[in-house]
């Protein structure tokens, strides 16, 4: 149905640009909400969301983000509203955003409901695997009227994933890989996690595939798993990596330790469901490919 436009609206359009009508959308959690057609004051409620917004060239609309939203470097300059698991409701309200974009896993539901009481819409993405990360890019692109840019990024991500899959099929072996997500303790990632999909897509076998979530292993279990490759992820560098390496040195009988196949990676490439997760996938593929060399 064609909307009738008043003379006043025409004048406003000539002075300030195209009209922005509210629209109703359904986010990835199934919630229906009304948002501006062309939001200009956006707050990101997760580092991964911040990365997506920058990737689709929507950073000028960002007025704030959560702590640890530090990539790209300009994101670190944004006003911070607390962590993604505990953000400052009062500060968000004071900034008067016309849209917040969050993530289901991590953002507290009671805080989202609180923002709704102040008529601040929160669109939530719910990335569970590589396909839904790509969907998140496309949907956030649609929210910001950046569909073409988001589509290009999504297509690029798909092509890289397919290329890595094809390359992985050429490997003779699928090495068992233990992915350590805590440099101080032996926590890994089970079969229902992003990291599991990254390992298997890259051509490896997840040593923790019989577990769910993020299980902790003791020394006896580690020896039984007997991984061919160990990958240690951390946001901290140097000292923590060195300490982790020394701990693994106690397991001389494990193939990964005996062959010095212990690798250190940037955790942000694996725990943020954003375009850079493809870099994490590529890194694992390179490690596994090296294992398969004669």
Protein backbone atom coordinates (compact mmCIF):
# COMPACT_ATOMS: atom_id res chain seq x y z
CA UNK A 1 0.00 0.00 0.00
CA UNK A 2 1.33 3.45 -0.95
CA UNK A 3 1.73 5.82 2.00
CA UNK A 4 0.42 9.36 1.68
CA UNK A 5 3.09 11.95 2.34
CA UNK A 6 2.15 15.33 3.79
CA UNK A 7 3.61 18.66 2.70
CA UNK A 8 5.35 18.81 6.08
CA UNK A 9 7.01 15.43 5.45
CA UNK A 10 8.13 16.58 2.00
CA UNK A 11 9.74 19.69 3.54
CA UNK A 12 11.50 17.55 6.17
CA UNK A 13 12.72 15.23 3.44
CA UNK A 14 14.16 18.11 1.42
CA UNK A 15 15.90 19.50 4.49
CA UNK A 16 17.17 16.32 6.13
CA UNK A 17 17.07 13.55 3.54
CA UNK A 18 14.89 10.52 3.01
CA UNK A 19 12.05 9.75 5.37
CA UNK A 20 12.62 7.02 7.92
CA UNK A 21 9.54 4.99 8.74
CA UNK A 22 9.63 2.44 11.56
CA UNK A 23 9.52 -1.18 10.49
CA UNK A 24 8.70 -4.44 12.21
CA UNK A 25 11.34 -7.18 12.17
CA UNK A 26 11.85 -10.58 13.77
CA UNK A 27 15.31 -11.23 15.20
CA UNK A 28 17.17 -14.56 15.35
CA UNK A 29 15.60 -15.40 18.71
CA UNK A 30 12.08 -15.09 17.27
CA UNK A 31 11.29 -11.79 18.98
CA UNK A 32 9.20 -9.27 17.06
CA UNK A 33 10.23 -5.65 17.47
CA UNK A 34 9.78 -2.27 15.86
CA UNK A 35 12.93 -0.46 14.80
CA UNK A 36 13.78 2.67 12.77
CA UNK A 37 14.04 2.09 9.04
CA UNK A 38 17.41 3.82 9.01
CA UNK A 39 18.92 3.76 12.53
CA UNK A 40 21.60 6.36 13.16
CA UNK A 41 22.47 5.84 16.85
CA UNK A 42 23.44 2.22 17.44
CA UNK A 43 24.94 0.53 20.48
CA UNK A 44 26.66 -2.83 20.06
CA UNK A 45 26.16 -5.25 22.94
CA UNK A 46 28.92 -7.72 21.98
CA UNK A 47 32.44 -7.53 20.48
CA UNK A 48 31.40 -9.79 17.59
CA UNK A 49 28.53 -7.46 16.71
CA UNK A 50 30.93 -4.51 16.76
CA UNK A 51 33.23 -6.32 14.33
CA UNK A 52 30.34 -7.04 11.98
CA UNK A 53 29.19 -3.42 11.99
CA UNK A 54 32.69 -2.23 11.16
CA UNK A 55 33.01 -4.88 8.45
CA UNK A 56 29.87 -3.64 6.68
CA UNK A 57 31.09 -0.01 6.96
CA UNK A 58 28.46 1.01 9.50
CA UNK A 59 30.84 2.27 12.19
CA UNK A 60 29.73 5.91 11.88
CA UNK A 61 26.39 4.87 13.35
CA UNK A 62 28.01 3.32 16.44
CA UNK A 63 27.79 5.54 19.52
CA UNK A 64 28.96 2.92 22.05
CA UNK A 65 29.97 -0.71 22.47
CA UNK A 66 30.87 -3.24 25.13
CA UNK A 67 34.21 -3.67 26.83
CA UNK A 68 36.68 -5.71 24.74
CA UNK A 69 35.18 -4.35 21.52
CA UNK A 70 38.72 -3.67 20.35
CA UNK A 71 38.78 -4.72 16.71
CA UNK A 72 39.41 -3.01 14.43
CA UNK A 73 41.53 -0.57 16.50
CA UNK A 74 39.03 2.27 16.03
CA UNK A 75 36.43 0.20 17.89
CA UNK A 76 38.51 0.57 21.03
CA UNK A 77 37.89 4.32 20.90
CA UNK A 78 34.13 3.94 21.26
CA UNK A 79 32.38 4.82 24.49
CA UNK A 80 32.02 1.63 26.56
CA UNK A 81 28.83 0.49 28.31
CA UNK A 82 30.25 -2.44 30.32
CA UNK A 83 30.81 -6.07 29.40
CA UNK A 84 28.44 -7.99 27.17
CA UNK A 85 27.33 -10.10 30.15
CA UNK A 86 26.82 -7.12 32.44
CA UNK A 87 26.23 -3.79 30.76
CA UNK A 88 25.37 -0.42 32.26
CA UNK A 89 21.63 0.03 31.69
CA UNK A 90 21.60 3.61 32.92
CA UNK A 91 24.39 4.64 30.57
CA UNK A 92 22.69 3.02 27.59
CA UNK A 93 19.45 4.84 28.38
CA UNK A 94 21.31 8.16 28.75
CA UNK A 95 22.86 7.76 25.29
CA UNK A 96 19.36 7.46 23.75
CA UNK A 97 20.15 4.92 21.03
CA UNK A 98 17.52 4.20 18.43
CA UNK A 99 18.74 0.60 18.19
CA UNK A 100 20.87 -1.84 20.17
CA UNK A 101 22.21 -5.00 18.54
CA UNK A 102 23.06 -7.87 20.84
CA UNK A 103 23.70 -11.60 20.96
CA UNK A 104 21.55 -14.28 22.56
CA UNK A 105 24.36 -16.19 24.24
CA UNK A 106 25.79 -13.82 26.82
CA UNK A 107 23.52 -10.78 26.91
CA UNK A 108 21.38 -11.08 30.07
CA UNK A 109 17.68 -11.39 29.24
CA UNK A 110 16.57 -9.25 32.18
CA UNK A 111 18.74 -6.37 30.94
CA UNK A 112 17.25 -6.68 27.44
CA UNK A 113 13.76 -6.56 28.96
CA UNK A 114 14.75 -3.53 31.00
CA UNK A 115 15.81 -1.66 27.86
CA UNK A 116 12.50 -2.58 26.24
CA UNK A 117 10.70 -0.82 29.10
CA UNK A 118 12.38 2.37 27.93
CA UNK A 119 11.35 1.74 24.32
CA UNK A 120 14.91 0.91 23.27
CA UNK A 121 14.73 -1.93 20.72
CA UNK A 122 17.31 -4.69 20.96
CA UNK A 123 17.81 -6.87 17.90
CA UNK A 124 19.55 -10.12 18.88
CA UNK A 125 21.52 -12.45 16.65
CA UNK A 126 22.03 -16.08 17.64
CA UNK A 127 25.05 -17.49 15.79
CA UNK A 128 25.53 -21.18 16.51
CA UNK A 129 27.63 -22.26 13.54
CA UNK A 130 29.37 -20.90 10.45
CA UNK A 131 26.12 -20.63 8.49
CA UNK A 132 24.44 -18.58 11.20
CA UNK A 133 27.48 -16.29 11.47
CA UNK A 134 27.01 -15.55 7.78
CA UNK A 135 23.28 -15.02 8.40
CA UNK A 136 24.12 -12.56 11.20
CA UNK A 137 26.26 -10.53 8.80
CA UNK A 138 23.43 -10.43 6.25
CA UNK A 139 20.76 -9.52 8.82
CA UNK A 140 22.80 -6.77 10.46
CA UNK A 141 23.53 -5.47 6.97
CA UNK A 142 19.78 -5.29 6.33
CA UNK A 143 19.20 -3.40 9.59
CA UNK A 144 21.75 -0.77 8.54
CA UNK A 145 20.65 -0.63 4.87
CA UNK A 146 24.03 -2.06 3.89
CA UNK A 147 22.71 -5.15 2.11
CA UNK A 148 25.16 -5.06 -0.80
CA UNK A 149 28.24 -4.74 1.40
CA UNK A 150 26.99 -7.48 3.74
CA UNK A 151 26.22 -9.76 0.78
CA UNK A 152 29.76 -9.31 -0.58
CA UNK A 153 31.27 -10.21 2.79
CA UNK A 154 28.96 -13.21 3.17
CA UNK A 155 29.85 -14.49 -0.29
CA UNK A 156 33.56 -14.08 0.42
CA UNK A 157 33.16 -16.05 3.66
CA UNK A 158 31.30 -18.86 1.88
CA UNK A 159 33.97 -19.13 -0.82
CA UNK A 160 36.78 -19.36 1.77
CA UNK A 161 34.91 -22.03 3.73
CA UNK A 162 34.33 -24.11 0.60
CA UNK A 163 37.96 -23.75 -0.43
CA UNK A 164 39.13 -24.94 2.98
CA UNK A 165 36.72 -27.88 2.86
CA UNK A 166 38.01 -28.92 -0.56
CA UNK A 167 41.60 -28.67 0.60
CA UNK A 168 40.86 -30.70 3.76
CA UNK A 169 39.52 -33.57 1.65
CA UNK A 170 42.98 -33.95 0.10
CA UNK A 171 44.61 -34.65 3.46
CA UNK A 172 45.50 -38.28 4.08
CA UNK A 173 44.84 -38.16 7.81
CA UNK A 174 42.42 -36.45 10.20
CA UNK A 175 44.63 -35.77 13.22
CA UNK A 176 43.13 -35.60 16.70
CA UNK A 177 43.33 -31.99 17.87
CA UNK A 178 42.98 -30.79 21.46
CA UNK A 179 41.88 -27.15 21.53
CA UNK A 180 42.76 -25.58 24.89
CA UNK A 181 40.73 -22.47 25.71
CA UNK A 182 42.32 -21.69 29.07
CA UNK A 183 46.08 -21.47 29.39
CA UNK A 184 45.95 -22.29 33.11
CA UNK A 185 43.64 -25.32 32.98
CA UNK A 186 42.74 -28.05 30.49
CA UNK A 187 39.40 -26.71 29.27
CA UNK A 188 38.40 -27.59 25.72
CA UNK A 189 35.36 -27.33 23.42
CA UNK A 190 32.77 -30.08 23.00
CA UNK A 191 30.76 -31.25 20.01
CA UNK A 192 28.09 -28.54 20.29
CA UNK A 193 30.47 -25.59 19.93
CA UNK A 194 31.80 -23.31 17.21
CA UNK A 195 35.30 -24.58 17.80
CA UNK A 196 34.24 -28.18 17.13
CA UNK A 197 32.86 -27.17 13.73
CA UNK A 198 36.02 -25.22 12.94
CA UNK A 199 38.22 -28.23 13.78
CA UNK A 200 36.18 -30.70 11.72
CA UNK A 201 35.77 -28.30 8.79
CA UNK A 202 39.53 -27.73 8.76
CA UNK A 203 40.11 -31.48 8.46
CA UNK A 204 40.74 -32.53 12.04
CA UNK A 205 39.09 -34.64 14.71
CA UNK A 206 38.10 -32.87 17.92
CA UNK A 207 39.68 -34.62 20.91
CA UNK A 208 36.75 -33.41 23.05
CA UNK A 209 34.01 -34.50 20.62
CA UNK A 210 32.40 -36.87 23.13
CA UNK A 211 31.70 -33.96 25.49
CA UNK A 212 29.36 -31.00 25.26
CA UNK A 213 29.93 -27.38 26.16
CA UNK A 214 33.38 -26.54 27.48
CA UNK A 215 34.57 -29.51 29.56
CA UNK A 216 37.57 -29.61 31.84
CA UNK A 217 39.98 -32.54 31.57
CA UNK A 218 42.37 -33.95 34.16
CA UNK A 219 45.85 -35.29 33.45
CA UNK A 220 44.73 -38.92 33.14
CA UNK A 221 42.06 -37.99 30.60
CA UNK A 222 44.54 -35.94 28.59
CA UNK A 223 46.88 -38.92 28.31
CA UNK A 224 43.97 -41.13 27.19
CA UNK A 225 42.93 -38.62 24.51
CA UNK A 226 46.50 -38.68 23.17
CA UNK A 227 46.10 -35.75 20.73
CA UNK A 228 48.25 -35.44 17.64
CA UNK A 229 48.01 -31.63 17.76
CA UNK A 230 47.51 -29.16 20.60
CA UNK A 231 46.20 -25.66 19.92
CA UNK A 232 46.20 -23.17 22.78
CA UNK A 233 44.03 -20.07 22.48
CA UNK A 234 44.33 -17.01 24.67
CA UNK A 235 43.76 -13.26 24.58
CA UNK A 236 46.95 -12.90 26.61
CA UNK A 237 50.33 -13.40 24.98
CA UNK A 238 53.91 -14.42 25.76
CA UNK A 239 53.98 -15.25 29.48
CA UNK A 240 50.71 -17.24 29.61
CA UNK A 241 51.66 -19.15 26.46
CA UNK A 242 55.05 -20.03 27.92
CA UNK A 243 53.47 -21.30 31.13
CA UNK A 244 51.00 -23.44 29.14
CA UNK A 245 53.82 -24.91 27.09
CA UNK A 246 55.71 -25.86 30.24
CA UNK A 247 52.63 -27.66 31.61
CA UNK A 248 52.27 -29.68 28.44
CA UNK A 249 55.93 -30.62 28.73
CA UNK A 250 54.90 -33.02 31.52
CA UNK A 251 53.12 -35.22 28.95
CA UNK A 252 56.08 -36.62 27.03
CA UNK A 253 54.12 -39.67 25.85
CA UNK A 254 51.47 -37.63 24.04
CA UNK A 255 52.19 -37.51 20.27
CA UNK A 256 51.62 -33.74 20.03
CA UNK A 257 54.13 -33.06 22.80
CA UNK A 258 56.68 -35.62 21.59
CA UNK A 259 56.62 -34.11 18.08
CA UNK A 260 56.44 -30.50 19.35
CA UNK A 261 53.12 -29.89 17.64
CA UNK A 262 51.88 -27.27 20.09
CA UNK A 263 50.50 -24.09 18.54
CA UNK A 264 49.38 -20.79 20.03
CA UNK A 265 46.56 -18.74 18.50
CA UNK A 266 44.63 -15.54 19.13
CA UNK A 267 41.42 -16.50 20.95
CA UNK A 268 39.48 -13.66 19.31
CA UNK A 269 39.65 -15.51 15.98
CA UNK A 270 37.73 -18.42 17.49
CA UNK A 271 35.34 -17.04 20.09
CA UNK A 272 33.86 -14.11 18.18
CA UNK A 273 31.17 -15.10 15.65
CA UNK A 274 32.13 -12.45 13.11
CA UNK A 275 33.89 -12.42 9.70
CA UNK A 276 37.32 -12.93 11.30
CA UNK A 277 36.29 -16.42 12.41
CA UNK A 278 37.26 -17.51 8.90
CA UNK A 279 40.84 -16.51 9.79
CA UNK A 280 40.64 -18.92 12.72
CA UNK A 281 39.37 -21.66 10.43
CA UNK A 282 42.19 -20.96 7.99
CA UNK A 283 44.76 -21.15 10.78
CA UNK A 284 43.54 -24.58 11.87
CA UNK A 285 43.53 -25.77 8.25
CA UNK A 286 47.17 -24.70 7.87
CA UNK A 287 48.19 -26.51 11.06
CA UNK A 288 46.42 -29.70 9.97
CA UNK A 289 47.86 -29.48 6.46
CA UNK A 290 51.35 -29.19 7.94
CA UNK A 291 50.69 -32.34 9.98
CA UNK A 292 49.88 -34.21 6.78
CA UNK A 293 53.09 -33.29 5.02
CA UNK A 294 55.43 -36.25 4.39
